[in-house]
Protein backbone atom coordinates (compact mmCIF):
# COMPACT_ATOMS: atom_id res chain seq x y z
CA MET A 1 10.20 18.02 -15.83
CA ASN A 2 12.33 19.65 -13.12
CA LYS A 3 14.83 18.05 -10.72
CA THR A 4 12.21 17.47 -7.99
CA SER A 5 9.96 15.67 -10.44
CA LEU A 6 12.83 13.46 -11.56
CA PHE A 7 13.65 12.56 -7.95
CA ALA A 8 9.97 11.80 -7.29
CA LEU A 9 9.89 9.60 -10.38
CA ILE A 10 12.55 7.26 -8.93
CA PRO A 11 10.52 5.93 -5.96
CA MET A 12 7.37 5.94 -8.10
CA LEU A 13 8.99 3.66 -10.67
CA ILE A 14 10.36 1.38 -7.95
CA PHE A 15 7.09 1.19 -6.00
CA TYR A 16 4.68 0.79 -8.88
CA GLY A 17 7.15 -1.45 -10.72
CA ALA A 18 7.26 -3.78 -7.70
CA TYR A 19 3.46 -3.77 -7.43
CA LEU A 20 2.91 -4.56 -11.11
CA SER A 21 5.73 -7.13 -11.24
CA LYS A 22 4.32 -9.08 -8.27
CA ASN A 23 0.85 -9.08 -9.82
CA LEU A 24 2.24 -10.34 -13.14
CA LEU A 25 4.35 -13.06 -11.49
CA LEU A 26 1.39 -14.34 -9.52
CA GLN A 27 -0.84 -14.13 -12.58
CA GLN A 28 1.63 -16.33 -14.50
CA LYS A 29 1.22 -18.92 -11.72
CA GLY A 30 -2.55 -18.77 -12.13
CA ILE A 31 -3.05 -16.80 -8.89
CA LYS A 32 -5.53 -13.94 -8.91
CA SER A 33 -3.82 -11.52 -6.53
CA ASN A 34 -6.10 -8.51 -6.98
CA ARG A 35 -9.18 -9.47 -4.94
CA LEU A 36 -10.31 -5.93 -4.19
CA ALA A 37 -14.12 -5.73 -4.51
CA LYS A 38 -14.18 -9.26 -6.04
CA GLY A 39 -15.41 -12.61 -4.77
CA GLU A 40 -17.75 -13.46 -1.94
CA LYS A 41 -17.64 -10.84 0.82
CA PRO A 42 -20.01 -8.69 2.85
CA SER A 43 -21.31 -5.62 1.05
CA SER A 44 -19.63 -3.31 3.56
CA VAL A 45 -16.24 -4.88 2.76
CA ARG A 46 -16.95 -4.71 -0.98
CA LEU A 47 -17.83 -1.01 -0.66
CA LEU A 48 -14.68 -0.30 1.37
CA GLU A 49 -12.55 -2.10 -1.22
CA MET A 50 -14.20 -0.22 -4.09
CA PHE A 51 -13.40 3.04 -2.32
CA LEU A 52 -9.85 1.79 -1.73
CA LEU A 53 -9.49 1.13 -5.46
CA LEU A 54 -10.82 4.58 -6.30
CA VAL A 55 -8.46 6.28 -3.86
CA THR A 56 -5.34 4.34 -4.89
CA TYR A 57 -5.89 4.66 -8.63
CA GLY A 58 -6.89 8.29 -8.23
CA LEU A 59 -3.78 8.99 -6.21
CA ALA A 60 -1.54 7.31 -8.81
CA ILE A 61 -3.09 9.55 -11.48
CA ILE A 62 -2.65 12.67 -9.33
CA GLN A 63 0.97 11.71 -8.65
CA CYS A 64 1.65 11.39 -12.38
CA LEU A 65 -0.06 14.69 -13.14
CA SER A 66 1.92 16.32 -10.33
CA LEU A 67 5.14 15.18 -12.00
CA LEU A 68 4.03 17.29 -14.96
CA HIS A 69 3.12 20.25 -12.70
CA PHE A 70 -0.63 20.16 -13.25
CA PHE A 71 -1.15 21.34 -9.66
CA SER A 72 0.47 24.19 -7.79
CA THR A 73 2.91 22.99 -5.17
CA LEU A 74 3.05 23.91 -1.50
CA TYR A 75 6.55 23.88 -0.06
CA LEU A 76 6.35 24.52 3.66
CA PHE A 77 9.89 23.93 4.89
CA ARG A 78 13.43 23.77 3.57
CA TYR A 79 14.13 20.03 3.54
CA GLN A 80 10.62 18.92 2.66
CA ARG A 81 11.64 17.32 -0.66
CA ILE A 82 14.56 15.43 0.92
CA LEU A 83 12.31 14.17 3.72
CA GLY A 84 9.71 13.20 1.10
CA PHE A 85 12.27 11.28 -0.96
CA THR A 86 13.42 9.45 2.19
CA PHE A 87 9.84 8.52 3.12
CA ALA A 88 8.98 7.41 -0.43
CA MET A 89 12.10 5.24 -0.73
CA THR A 90 11.55 3.75 2.74
CA GLY A 91 7.94 3.01 1.82
CA SER A 92 9.09 1.32 -1.39
CA PHE A 93 11.55 -0.77 0.64
CA PHE A 94 8.87 -1.88 3.13
CA PHE A 95 6.49 -2.71 0.30
CA ILE A 96 9.07 -4.80 -1.58
CA MET A 97 10.06 -6.62 1.61
CA ALA A 98 6.38 -7.38 2.26
CA VAL A 99 5.84 -8.70 -1.25
CA ILE A 100 8.91 -10.95 -0.89
CA ALA A 101 7.86 -12.21 2.56
CA MET A 102 4.30 -12.97 1.44
CA LYS A 103 5.51 -15.16 -1.46
CA ASP A 104 2.50 -16.66 -3.28
CA SER A 105 0.12 -15.73 -0.44
CA TRP A 106 0.23 -12.03 -1.30
CA ARG A 107 -3.23 -10.64 -2.10
CA ALA A 108 -4.85 -7.25 -2.39
CA GLY A 109 -8.26 -7.51 -0.78
CA ILE A 110 -10.21 -10.14 1.11
CA ASP A 111 -11.43 -13.32 -0.54
CA SER A 112 -12.22 -16.50 1.38
CA SER A 113 -12.14 -18.59 -1.81
CA GLN A 114 -8.38 -18.04 -2.11
CA ASN A 115 -6.17 -20.62 -0.41
CA THR A 116 -3.32 -18.82 1.35
CA SER A 117 -0.99 -19.50 4.25
CA LEU A 118 -0.32 -17.39 7.32
CA MET A 119 3.05 -15.83 6.60
CA THR A 120 5.12 -14.61 9.57
CA ASP A 121 8.72 -14.60 8.34
CA GLY A 122 10.94 -11.84 7.00
CA ILE A 123 9.66 -8.33 7.59
CA LEU A 124 6.41 -9.86 8.87
CA ARG A 125 8.27 -10.60 12.13
CA PHE A 126 8.30 -6.84 12.79
CA SER A 127 5.07 -5.60 11.21
CA ARG A 128 1.77 -7.35 10.53
CA ASN A 129 1.08 -4.91 7.69
CA PRO A 130 4.36 -3.93 6.05
CA ALA A 131 2.73 -3.53 2.62
CA PHE A 132 0.24 -1.00 4.01
CA LEU A 133 3.04 0.67 5.95
CA GLY A 134 4.94 0.87 2.67
CA PHE A 135 1.94 2.43 0.92
CA ASP A 136 1.53 4.94 3.75
CA LEU A 137 5.18 6.04 3.75
CA PHE A 138 5.33 6.10 -0.05
CA TYR A 139 2.20 8.25 -0.35
CA ILE A 140 3.34 10.63 2.39
CA GLY A 141 6.76 10.89 0.74
CA ILE A 142 5.41 11.71 -2.71
CA ALA A 143 3.00 14.21 -1.14
CA LEU A 144 5.98 15.92 0.54
CA MET A 145 7.95 15.97 -2.71
CA LEU A 146 5.11 17.13 -4.98
CA PRO A 147 2.64 18.69 -2.56
CA SER A 148 -0.67 20.12 -3.61
CA ILE A 149 -3.85 20.58 -1.63
CA LEU A 150 -5.55 17.83 -3.66
CA MET A 151 -2.66 15.38 -3.11
CA VAL A 152 -2.53 16.04 0.64
CA ILE A 153 -6.29 15.56 1.02
CA ILE A 154 -6.32 12.30 -0.93
CA VAL A 155 -3.27 10.96 0.95
CA ILE A 156 -5.04 11.63 4.26
CA VAL A 157 -8.14 9.84 2.96
CA ALA A 158 -5.99 6.95 1.68
CA LEU A 159 -4.29 6.50 5.06
CA PHE A 160 -7.69 6.35 6.75
CA VAL A 161 -9.10 3.90 4.19
CA PHE A 162 -6.00 1.68 4.46
CA HIS A 163 -6.47 1.55 8.22
CA LEU A 164 -10.11 0.50 7.80
CA GLN A 165 -9.01 -2.18 5.32
CA ILE A 166 -6.42 -3.46 7.81
CA LEU A 167 -9.12 -3.78 10.48
CA GLU A 168 -11.29 -5.81 8.06
CA GLU A 169 -8.35 -8.01 7.09
CA GLU A 170 -7.57 -8.66 10.76
CA LYS A 171 -11.14 -9.91 11.30
CA PHE A 172 -10.82 -12.11 8.21
CA LEU A 173 -7.43 -13.53 9.24
CA THR A 174 -8.74 -14.30 12.73
CA THR A 175 -11.62 -16.24 11.16
CA ILE A 176 -9.37 -18.13 8.72
CA PHE A 177 -6.31 -18.84 10.91
CA GLY A 178 -7.83 -18.68 14.40
CA ASP A 179 -5.42 -19.07 17.32
CA ASP A 180 -2.35 -19.03 15.06
CA TYR A 181 -3.23 -15.52 13.90
CA LEU A 182 -4.21 -14.36 17.40
CA THR A 183 -0.83 -15.52 18.74
CA TYR A 184 0.95 -13.76 15.88
CA LYS A 185 -1.16 -10.64 16.50
CA GLN A 186 -0.07 -10.55 20.15
CA LYS A 187 3.62 -10.81 19.23
CA VAL A 188 3.82 -8.41 16.28
CA ARG A 189 2.61 -4.82 16.04
CA ARG A 190 0.06 -3.72 13.49
CA TYR A 191 2.37 -1.24 11.79
CA PHE A 192 5.91 -1.27 13.23
């Protein structure tokens, strides 16, 4: 493992460590936080969430294989790795702040059977989707640090799929929280 791989490993451990830790903490409280492609939902949403799972797990595998140099890398400019590290660490920060702000209402996926509250404090005062913003920046950062054609393509697909998921979640939140969510939506930007 070279120096670039070691630097890429740092934000990967932070990001995925935060994701797994939050899931385990909620699981200990009896909360099923991973609702992707589970529960009662329209088939189009279920299909989107299944694709989201495929893309995110596939990207995590590709990132790990890239650490071990399974793919040839494409360095396009001098400070690409530094910019990538900055993006990945910023994405990890946004994700962790989102997880903290969401408290026990944090979920991955849509499920109307889950009882959650509309959270608007912390980083959620500046972004309606800081966890997705964190994913986006993290994925872009790792792709800049360990770039391959496969990684870049899947990151682009992931960003698109995340955006589609956000649009579905906004419909869901409008249905569940009504005017409270619409007021929040008018005050706070979708991303940042």
